[in-house]
Protein backbone atom coordinates (compact mmCIF):
# COMPACT_ATOMS: atom_id res chain seq x y z
CA UNK A 1 -41.90 85.45 66.64
CA UNK A 2 -44.71 86.00 68.44
CA UNK A 3 -47.51 83.65 68.54
CA UNK A 4 -47.51 81.25 71.46
CA UNK A 5 -49.09 78.34 70.21
CA UNK A 6 -51.29 76.93 67.65
CA UNK A 7 -54.08 77.07 70.26
CA UNK A 8 -54.17 80.53 71.11
CA UNK A 9 -56.63 82.94 69.72
CA UNK A 10 -57.37 85.75 71.76
CA UNK A 11 -56.78 89.33 70.27
CA UNK A 12 -55.62 90.11 73.85
CA UNK A 13 -52.27 87.70 73.11
CA UNK A 14 -49.31 88.17 71.28
CA UNK A 15 -49.54 86.94 67.56
CA UNK A 16 -46.90 84.96 67.15
CA UNK A 17 -44.50 82.16 69.39
CA UNK A 18 -41.09 82.33 70.50
CA UNK A 19 -40.13 78.96 71.35
CA UNK A 20 -37.42 77.06 69.20
CA UNK A 21 -34.95 80.42 68.49
CA UNK A 22 -33.86 80.07 72.06
CA UNK A 23 -32.11 76.52 71.76
CA UNK A 24 -28.68 76.28 71.39
CA UNK A 25 -25.75 73.75 71.21
CA UNK A 26 -22.56 74.64 71.15
CA UNK A 27 -19.85 72.88 72.25
CA UNK A 28 -20.18 71.28 75.78
CA UNK A 29 -19.70 67.88 77.61
CA UNK A 30 -22.54 65.30 75.88
CA UNK A 31 -24.55 63.29 78.42
CA UNK A 32 -23.06 60.77 80.49
CA UNK A 33 -23.90 57.16 78.39
CA UNK A 34 -25.84 56.08 81.53
CA UNK A 35 -29.34 54.14 80.47
CA UNK A 36 -31.04 56.46 82.06
CA UNK A 37 -30.67 60.47 81.79
CA UNK A 38 -31.48 62.61 85.04
CA UNK A 39 -31.40 66.49 85.24
CA UNK A 40 -32.95 68.51 88.34
CA UNK A 41 -34.66 71.40 87.18
CA UNK A 42 -32.16 74.54 88.46
CA UNK A 43 -34.04 77.25 90.50
CA UNK A 44 -33.52 79.80 88.21
CA UNK A 45 -36.56 81.43 86.60
CA UNK A 46 -37.34 82.74 83.39
CA UNK A 47 -34.42 84.65 82.96
CA UNK A 48 -30.70 83.39 83.95
CA UNK A 49 -30.63 82.61 88.03
CA UNK A 50 -27.65 85.16 88.48
CA UNK A 51 -28.41 87.78 86.03
CA UNK A 52 -25.44 89.27 84.12
CA UNK A 53 -23.86 92.74 84.63
CA UNK A 54 -25.31 95.16 82.38
CA UNK A 55 -23.17 97.71 81.26
CA UNK A 56 -23.49 100.98 78.95
CA UNK A 57 -22.39 100.08 75.85
CA UNK A 58 -21.67 102.82 73.18
CA UNK A 59 -25.18 101.76 71.10
CA UNK A 60 -26.86 103.39 74.72
CA UNK A 61 -28.32 100.05 75.17
CA UNK A 62 -27.16 97.33 77.44
CA UNK A 63 -23.93 95.57 76.82
CA UNK A 64 -23.96 92.15 78.80
CA UNK A 65 -21.08 90.67 80.96
CA UNK A 66 -21.99 87.27 83.13
CA UNK A 67 -20.97 87.35 86.52
CA UNK A 68 -19.96 83.97 86.60
CA UNK A 69 -17.51 84.99 83.23
CA UNK A 70 -14.22 86.44 84.47
CA UNK A 71 -12.92 87.49 80.96
CA UNK A 72 -13.86 90.67 79.56
CA UNK A 73 -16.28 91.01 77.18
CA UNK A 74 -14.16 91.36 73.69
CA UNK A 75 -13.69 94.74 71.75
CA UNK A 76 -15.75 92.84 68.82
CA UNK A 77 -18.69 92.15 71.19
CA UNK A 78 -21.71 94.11 72.26
CA UNK A 79 -24.92 92.64 73.43
CA UNK A 80 -28.11 94.70 73.08
CA UNK A 81 -31.36 94.70 75.07
CA UNK A 82 -33.59 95.28 72.08
CA UNK A 83 -36.48 93.46 74.63
CA UNK A 84 -40.13 95.26 73.87
CA UNK A 85 -41.13 96.88 77.27
CA UNK A 86 -44.60 96.26 76.60
CA UNK A 87 -47.01 94.41 79.54
CA UNK A 88 -48.05 91.68 77.03
CA UNK A 89 -44.13 90.93 75.99
CA UNK A 90 -43.45 87.17 76.52
CA UNK A 91 -40.12 88.35 77.67
CA UNK A 92 -41.97 89.22 81.13
CA UNK A 93 -43.31 86.78 83.65
CA UNK A 94 -46.17 88.24 85.02
CA UNK A 95 -47.58 88.25 81.46
CA UNK A 96 -46.16 84.21 80.94
CA UNK A 97 -48.01 83.47 83.63
CA UNK A 98 -51.39 85.00 82.30
CA UNK A 99 -50.95 83.13 79.40
CA UNK A 100 -49.91 79.54 80.91
CA UNK A 101 -52.76 80.31 83.20
CA UNK A 102 -55.32 80.84 80.09
CA UNK A 103 -53.90 77.57 78.07
CA UNK A 104 -54.43 75.47 81.14
CA UNK A 105 -57.96 76.49 81.50
CA UNK A 106 -59.45 75.84 78.29
CA UNK A 107 -59.20 73.01 75.79
CA UNK A 108 -58.31 74.38 72.76
CA UNK A 109 -56.15 72.07 70.93
CA UNK A 110 -56.81 69.40 68.51
CA UNK A 111 -55.69 66.02 69.32
CA UNK A 112 -56.53 64.09 65.94
CA UNK A 113 -57.64 60.75 65.59
CA UNK A 114 -54.91 60.08 63.69
CA UNK A 115 -52.16 60.86 66.47
CA UNK A 116 -54.50 58.86 69.05
CA UNK A 117 -53.75 55.70 66.43
CA UNK A 118 -50.03 56.60 66.33
CA UNK A 119 -50.21 56.76 70.03
CA UNK A 120 -51.72 53.80 70.49
CA UNK A 121 -49.22 52.10 67.95
CA UNK A 122 -45.93 53.72 69.19
CA UNK A 123 -46.82 53.94 73.04
CA UNK A 124 -49.25 51.29 73.41
CA UNK A 125 -51.77 54.27 74.91
CA UNK A 126 -54.93 54.55 73.35
CA UNK A 127 -56.69 58.45 73.90
CA UNK A 128 -60.34 57.65 74.49
CA UNK A 129 -62.78 60.70 74.36
CA UNK A 130 -63.08 62.26 77.84
CA UNK A 131 -59.95 60.41 78.60
CA UNK A 132 -61.64 57.54 80.41
CA UNK A 133 -61.01 54.03 78.81
CA UNK A 134 -64.99 53.25 79.47
CA UNK A 135 -68.02 54.50 80.13
CA UNK A 136 -70.57 52.55 81.85
CA UNK A 137 -68.38 49.62 80.72
CA UNK A 138 -68.24 50.98 77.15
CA UNK A 139 -65.31 51.88 75.44
CA UNK A 140 -65.30 55.64 73.45
CA UNK A 141 -64.38 55.15 69.49
CA UNK A 142 -60.85 56.87 69.21
CA UNK A 143 -62.00 60.58 67.34
CA UNK A 144 -60.22 64.31 67.52
CA UNK A 145 -60.90 65.56 70.99
CA UNK A 146 -59.61 69.33 72.11
CA UNK A 147 -56.67 69.09 74.72
CA UNK A 148 -55.23 71.71 77.42
CA UNK A 149 -51.80 73.41 76.18
CA UNK A 150 -48.88 74.90 77.65
CA UNK A 151 -46.77 77.56 75.61
CA UNK A 152 -43.70 75.63 73.89
CA UNK A 153 -41.90 78.62 75.49
CA UNK A 154 -41.93 77.09 79.01
CA UNK A 155 -39.48 74.47 77.51
CA UNK A 156 -36.52 76.88 77.17
CA UNK A 157 -35.41 78.61 80.76
CA UNK A 158 -32.03 77.90 81.54
CA UNK A 159 -32.15 74.57 82.75
CA UNK A 160 -34.23 73.47 79.60
CA UNK A 161 -31.37 75.25 77.34
CA UNK A 162 -28.47 73.51 79.11
CA UNK A 163 -30.75 69.72 78.49
CA UNK A 164 -31.42 70.67 75.00
CA UNK A 165 -27.68 71.05 74.32
CA UNK A 166 -27.50 67.35 75.66
CA UNK A 167 -30.03 66.27 73.39
CA UNK A 168 -28.15 67.40 70.16
CA UNK A 169 -25.49 65.15 71.50
CA UNK A 170 -27.11 62.17 71.72
CA UNK A 171 -26.85 60.12 68.25
CA UNK A 172 -30.30 59.14 67.72
CA UNK A 173 -31.27 62.79 67.36
CA UNK A 174 -29.83 63.15 63.70
CA UNK A 175 -30.64 66.93 62.92
CA UNK A 176 -27.51 68.46 64.37
CA UNK A 177 -25.09 66.40 63.17
CA UNK A 178 -26.80 66.34 59.16
CA UNK A 179 -26.34 70.33 59.94
CA UNK A 180 -22.96 70.33 60.73
CA UNK A 181 -21.88 68.43 58.12
CA UNK A 182 -23.95 70.29 55.43
CA UNK A 183 -21.79 73.28 57.06
CA UNK A 184 -18.43 71.82 57.20
CA UNK A 185 -18.96 70.66 53.46
CA UNK A 186 -20.65 73.62 51.58
CA UNK A 187 -19.52 76.88 53.89
CA UNK A 188 -16.62 77.95 51.57
CA UNK A 189 -19.98 77.65 49.08
CA UNK A 190 -22.37 79.28 50.74
CA UNK A 191 -19.92 82.46 51.94
CA UNK A 192 -18.88 82.84 48.83
CA UNK A 193 -22.38 83.16 46.81
CA UNK A 194 -24.54 84.17 49.92
CA UNK A 195 -22.29 86.65 52.03
CA UNK A 196 -21.70 89.81 51.01
CA UNK A 197 -18.34 91.83 51.63
CA UNK A 198 -19.07 94.27 54.15
CA UNK A 199 -22.67 92.71 54.43
CA UNK A 200 -24.44 91.28 57.78
CA UNK A 201 -25.40 88.08 58.89
CA UNK A 202 -28.33 87.84 60.95
CA UNK A 203 -29.29 84.60 63.31
CA UNK A 204 -32.43 84.32 64.36
CA UNK A 205 -31.80 82.09 67.78
CA UNK A 206 -28.07 81.81 68.95
CA UNK A 207 -28.51 78.62 67.16
CA UNK A 208 -25.08 76.07 67.13
CA UNK A 209 -21.74 77.66 67.87
CA UNK A 210 -20.43 74.11 66.32
CA UNK A 211 -22.02 74.86 62.95
CA UNK A 212 -21.89 78.42 62.89
CA UNK A 213 -17.68 78.45 63.33
CA UNK A 214 -17.51 76.78 59.67
CA UNK A 215 -19.47 79.69 58.09
CA UNK A 216 -17.50 81.97 60.25
CA UNK A 217 -14.00 80.55 59.25
CA UNK A 218 -15.26 80.89 55.55
CA UNK A 219 -16.05 84.34 56.00
CA UNK A 220 -12.71 85.36 56.76
CA UNK A 221 -10.87 82.87 54.84
CA UNK A 222 -12.60 84.76 52.05
CA UNK A 223 -11.16 87.94 53.16
CA UNK A 224 -14.43 89.29 54.24
CA UNK A 225 -15.79 91.62 56.22
CA UNK A 226 -19.16 91.00 58.33
CA UNK A 227 -21.11 92.38 61.17
CA UNK A 228 -22.86 89.48 62.88
CA UNK A 229 -26.02 89.83 65.05
CA UNK A 230 -27.33 86.84 67.28
CA UNK A 231 -30.83 86.72 68.76
CA UNK A 232 -32.00 84.75 72.22
CA UNK A 233 -34.27 85.58 75.01
CA UNK A 234 -31.24 84.34 77.26
CA UNK A 235 -28.39 86.98 78.08
CA UNK A 236 -26.18 84.39 79.80
CA UNK A 237 -26.61 82.20 76.82
CA UNK A 238 -25.57 85.34 74.65
CA UNK A 239 -22.63 85.59 76.47
CA UNK A 240 -21.39 82.23 76.63
CA UNK A 241 -21.86 81.42 73.27
CA UNK A 242 -20.52 84.67 71.67
CA UNK A 243 -17.53 85.53 74.15
CA UNK A 244 -15.76 82.52 72.42
CA UNK A 245 -16.23 83.62 68.53
CA UNK A 246 -15.27 86.69 68.58
CA UNK A 247 -12.09 85.78 70.60
CA UNK A 248 -11.64 83.42 67.90
CA UNK A 249 -12.67 85.79 64.85
CA UNK A 250 -11.18 89.29 65.77
CA UNK A 251 -12.13 90.50 62.38
CA UNK A 252 -15.91 90.48 62.72
CA UNK A 253 -17.68 92.46 64.53
CA UNK A 254 -20.38 90.24 66.97
CA UNK A 255 -23.40 91.66 68.05
CA UNK A 256 -26.13 89.68 70.58
CA UNK A 257 -29.47 91.28 70.61
CA UNK A 258 -31.64 90.50 73.71
CA UNK A 259 -35.05 89.39 72.62
CA UNK A 260 -37.41 87.84 71.28
CA UNK A 261 -38.03 87.06 66.64
CA UNK A 262 -40.66 89.98 66.68
CA UNK A 263 -37.98 92.87 68.79
CA UNK A 264 -35.31 91.52 66.20
CA UNK A 265 -37.58 91.92 63.25
CA UNK A 266 -38.40 95.75 64.23
CA UNK A 267 -34.95 96.48 65.90
CA UNK A 268 -33.38 95.45 62.09
CA UNK A 269 -36.25 97.33 60.43
CA UNK A 270 -35.76 100.21 62.46
CA UNK A 271 -31.78 100.72 63.77
CA UNK A 272 -29.78 98.25 60.94
CA UNK A 273 -28.63 100.64 58.88
CA UNK A 274 -27.90 99.10 55.39
CA UNK A 275 -24.53 100.49 53.21
CA UNK A 276 -24.84 100.91 49.36
CA UNK A 277 -24.05 97.64 48.01
CA UNK A 278 -24.20 96.06 51.88
CA UNK A 279 -26.25 92.32 51.44
CA UNK A 280 -28.20 90.99 54.61
CA UNK A 281 -28.10 87.25 55.50
CA UNK A 282 -30.52 85.77 57.71
CA UNK A 283 -30.10 82.03 59.54
CA UNK A 284 -32.93 80.06 60.83
CA UNK A 285 -31.48 76.98 61.38
CA UNK A 286 -31.82 73.79 63.67
CA UNK A 287 -35.61 72.78 63.92
CA UNK A 288 -36.92 76.30 64.82
CA UNK A 289 -39.27 76.29 61.79
CA UNK A 290 -40.56 72.77 62.61
CA UNK A 291 -41.97 74.15 66.09
CA UNK A 292 -44.80 76.22 64.51
CA UNK A 293 -47.35 74.90 62.08
CA UNK A 294 -46.82 75.47 58.56
CA UNK A 295 -49.12 78.20 58.50
CA UNK A 296 -47.41 80.23 61.13
CA UNK A 297 -44.19 79.44 59.47
CA UNK A 298 -45.76 81.11 55.59
CA UNK A 299 -46.70 84.27 58.37
CA UNK A 300 -43.70 84.62 59.80
CA UNK A 301 -41.35 84.13 56.64
CA UNK A 302 -43.71 86.58 55.17
CA UNK A 303 -42.92 89.11 57.76
CA UNK A 304 -39.10 88.48 57.73
CA UNK A 305 -39.10 89.34 54.05
CA UNK A 306 -41.38 92.32 54.74
CA UNK A 307 -39.37 93.71 57.89
CA UNK A 308 -36.11 92.65 57.22
CA UNK A 309 -34.97 91.68 54.22
CA UNK A 310 -34.38 93.90 50.43
CA UNK A 311 -34.12 92.55 47.17
CA UNK A 312 -31.01 90.40 46.82
CA UNK A 313 -30.90 89.07 50.34
CA UNK A 314 -31.13 85.47 51.36
CA UNK A 315 -32.78 83.67 54.59
CA UNK A 316 -30.53 80.19 55.06
CA UNK A 317 -33.48 78.32 56.74
CA UNK A 318 -32.92 74.07 58.25
CA UNK A 319 -35.72 72.04 57.30
CA UNK A 320 -36.06 68.71 58.65
CA UNK A 321 -37.95 66.04 56.00
CA UNK A 322 -40.67 63.45 56.57
CA UNK A 323 -38.54 60.85 57.50
CA UNK A 324 -39.36 57.13 58.72
CA UNK A 325 -41.64 57.18 61.50
CA UNK A 326 -39.36 55.48 63.61
CA UNK A 327 -36.19 57.38 63.21
CA UNK A 328 -37.82 60.26 63.89
CA UNK A 329 -39.77 58.66 67.24
CA UNK A 330 -36.36 57.24 68.25
CA UNK A 331 -35.04 60.95 68.12
CA UNK A 332 -37.67 62.67 70.23
CA UNK A 333 -37.55 59.66 72.68
CA UNK A 334 -33.77 58.67 73.02
CA UNK A 335 -32.99 55.55 75.27
CA UNK A 336 -31.17 57.74 77.79
CA UNK A 337 -34.15 59.64 78.40
CA UNK A 338 -32.73 63.19 77.17
CA UNK A 339 -35.42 64.74 76.17
CA UNK A 340 -37.95 63.08 78.41
CA UNK A 341 -35.91 65.26 81.14
CA UNK A 342 -36.41 68.12 78.65
CA UNK A 343 -39.54 68.28 78.49
CA UNK A 344 -40.63 67.32 81.76
CA UNK A 345 -38.58 70.20 82.95
CA UNK A 346 -40.94 72.08 81.38
CA UNK A 347 -43.60 71.79 84.13
CA UNK A 348 -40.97 72.54 86.26
CA UNK A 349 -40.99 76.04 85.00
CA UNK A 350 -44.42 76.40 84.61
CA UNK A 351 -44.26 75.57 88.77
CA UNK A 352 -41.71 78.78 89.21
CA UNK A 353 -43.90 80.78 86.77
CA UNK A 354 -46.58 80.18 88.93
CA UNK A 355 -44.29 80.74 92.18
CA UNK A 356 -44.73 77.22 93.75
CA UNK A 357 -41.94 75.03 94.91
CA UNK A 358 -40.52 72.13 93.21
CA UNK A 359 -42.76 69.53 93.15
CA UNK A 360 -45.35 71.33 94.82
CA UNK A 361 -48.04 72.02 91.50
CA UNK A 362 -46.94 69.76 89.32
CA UNK A 363 -45.70 66.35 90.86
CA UNK A 364 -43.49 64.91 88.10
CA UNK A 365 -44.19 61.05 89.49
CA UNK A 366 -48.28 62.09 88.23
CA UNK A 367 -47.10 63.19 84.92
CA UNK A 368 -45.16 61.38 81.58
CA UNK A 369 -44.00 62.55 78.55
CA UNK A 370 -45.79 61.25 75.28
CA UNK A 371 -43.70 61.47 72.41
CA UNK A 372 -45.30 60.20 68.63
CA UNK A 373 -44.85 60.66 65.43
CA UNK A 374 -47.61 61.64 63.01
CA UNK A 375 -46.99 60.36 59.77
CA UNK A 376 -50.01 61.37 58.23
CA UNK A 377 -49.60 64.81 59.49
CA UNK A 378 -45.73 65.06 58.86
CA UNK A 379 -44.62 66.07 62.81
CA UNK A 380 -43.87 64.81 65.80
CA UNK A 381 -46.41 65.81 68.75
CA UNK A 382 -44.86 65.96 72.38
CA UNK A 383 -47.61 66.23 75.31
CA UNK A 384 -47.99 65.56 79.19
CA UNK A 385 -50.13 62.90 80.25
CA UNK A 386 -51.98 62.75 83.63
CA UNK A 387 -51.06 59.59 85.45
CA UNK A 388 -54.02 60.34 87.78
CA UNK A 389 -57.31 62.58 88.75
CA UNK A 390 -55.55 65.64 89.78
CA UNK A 391 -56.34 69.19 91.24
CA UNK A 392 -54.30 72.38 90.84
CA UNK A 393 -54.90 75.58 92.75
CA UNK A 394 -52.91 78.95 91.72
CA UNK A 395 -53.02 82.34 92.11
CA UNK A 396 -52.32 84.98 89.10
CA UNK A 397 -52.68 88.29 89.69
CA UNK A 398 -54.36 87.39 92.75
CA UNK A 399 -56.81 85.59 91.00
CA UNK A 400 -57.22 81.92 92.13
CA UNK A 401 -57.39 79.60 88.88
CA UNK A 402 -58.34 75.45 89.50
CA UNK A 403 -57.32 73.35 86.75
CA UNK A 404 -58.62 69.59 87.09
CA UNK A 405 -57.06 67.28 85.18
CA UNK A 406 -58.31 63.95 84.43
CA UNK A 407 -56.46 60.49 84.74
CA UNK A 408 -55.18 59.83 81.47
CA UNK A 409 -55.71 63.51 79.83
CA UNK A 410 -53.37 65.25 77.72
CA UNK A 411 -51.57 68.57 77.85
CA UNK A 412 -49.89 69.96 74.45
CA UNK A 413 -46.41 71.26 74.96
CA UNK A 414 -44.67 71.14 71.31
CA UNK A 415 -44.84 70.00 67.40
CA UNK A 416 -42.05 69.87 65.43
CA UNK A 417 -43.10 69.77 62.06
CA UNK A 418 -41.96 67.43 59.16
CA UNK A 419 -41.78 68.69 55.22
CA UNK A 420 -41.45 67.19 51.62
CA UNK A 421 -41.23 69.13 48.62
CA UNK A 422 -44.57 69.84 48.18
CA UNK A 423 -44.90 71.16 51.41
CA UNK A 424 -42.11 73.91 50.74
CA UNK A 425 -43.40 74.38 47.61
CA UNK A 426 -46.56 75.69 49.51
CA UNK A 427 -44.23 77.62 51.93
CA UNK A 428 -43.01 79.80 49.80
CA UNK A 429 -46.50 80.15 47.66
CA UNK A 430 -47.79 81.79 50.74
CA UNK A 431 -44.48 83.76 52.50
CA UNK A 432 -43.93 85.39 49.23
CA UNK A 433 -40.25 84.06 48.95
CA UNK A 434 -38.18 82.63 45.92
CA UNK A 435 -36.56 79.36 46.69
CA UNK A 436 -32.76 79.42 45.43
CA UNK A 437 -30.83 76.16 46.50
CA UNK A 438 -31.28 73.04 48.56
CA UNK A 439 -28.29 71.41 50.16
CA UNK A 440 -28.94 68.26 51.50
CA UNK A 441 -26.80 65.95 54.13
CA UNK A 442 -25.23 62.78 53.46
CA UNK A 443 -27.93 61.04 54.90
CA UNK A 444 -30.64 62.77 53.21
CA UNK A 445 -33.03 63.55 55.87
CA UNK A 446 -32.09 67.10 56.63
CA UNK A 447 -31.24 69.82 54.43
CA UNK A 448 -30.80 73.36 54.42
CA UNK A 449 -32.41 75.65 51.87
CA UNK A 450 -31.64 79.40 50.51
CA UNK A 451 -35.05 81.85 50.37
CA UNK A 452 -34.35 84.85 48.30
CA UNK A 453 -36.71 87.82 48.24
């Protein structure tokens, strides 16, 4: 998926984003019970700070072993580097710097009047046109305004992935537990009906190893043989996530795909041979679909259908529902501040993208995390708010860029879009996929859908 962000329309940029497939929430220690969560950004850049050792695999690509891991790669596991070598690839930090410079230089993302109303209701803040509380002593009424943006992808450096893993252990973040409960209760049914023997399982994003284990266990218990492909943009994440699974399930072949959504779709289309009678089961879990607009989600699903699926193949897609506003708001603005640390880490990553030092370009004391749930539009919205008038200067490709932020100015960073039944029906109509099945968690807040070609 390579459209960075709804605000990017330049023909010179990739046409679809890659943000949330980077999320992982495998087993790890949850955050402490302290009132405020704190996590200092690591010094790693867009890739791992400890680059993995690359060994030639029998596929002719790169098989990956983390330097931090002393265990050898299991025989049933391979990691392939399928990243595009294009200079416009979002896996390229220099290109990412150009994109961030462009999105920070222009106000192209709509901040709706309804969002301003919810900001006032939920956060006690009122967004004003031109971001000023008054002009000549007169308040400007709430209305739609255009704001700058930063690609959502910057949230998912290695440190961001670690913090997001902590988010999935926060009680208020109901999504992970809901999806885990569905897989725990329904994996036997899913494996029986939707995973063929000698078939292929493809996860678009490493996802939760906790919930993936349930499905793999069901597959093995049914004596089925499958090859499991897992996508991520971090070699470190792929190795750390797949290695324990490969050891636990030696009868399953594990293949890590190091690249973007678009890279994976092209790899599936060009390199994944289909045996007679074999099926493909694709997984797009967590809140991944929610981090694109509804139009972008439909376009991406159409591309998955066209490039990676044949008649009879299915896509299992996790979708968060339009829940009570207070429940959603708290899930993305938890009392311990874990999500706040995750969002603010994105500014640390932007600094490194621009070659700055910690706190040099975007001091966190001068920005705050703005979380709001827009019930009218059915989406959670995340922004940075500049707490004072400030000026930031950076060089990209030896060209100077100056960003001048007003006090109170918003910078968009991420949507988390929710769906009701009508939204899903429109999604199917626009993507050309067929809705086949739905599984709800016990609270009926979250659902897993089976879309078929």
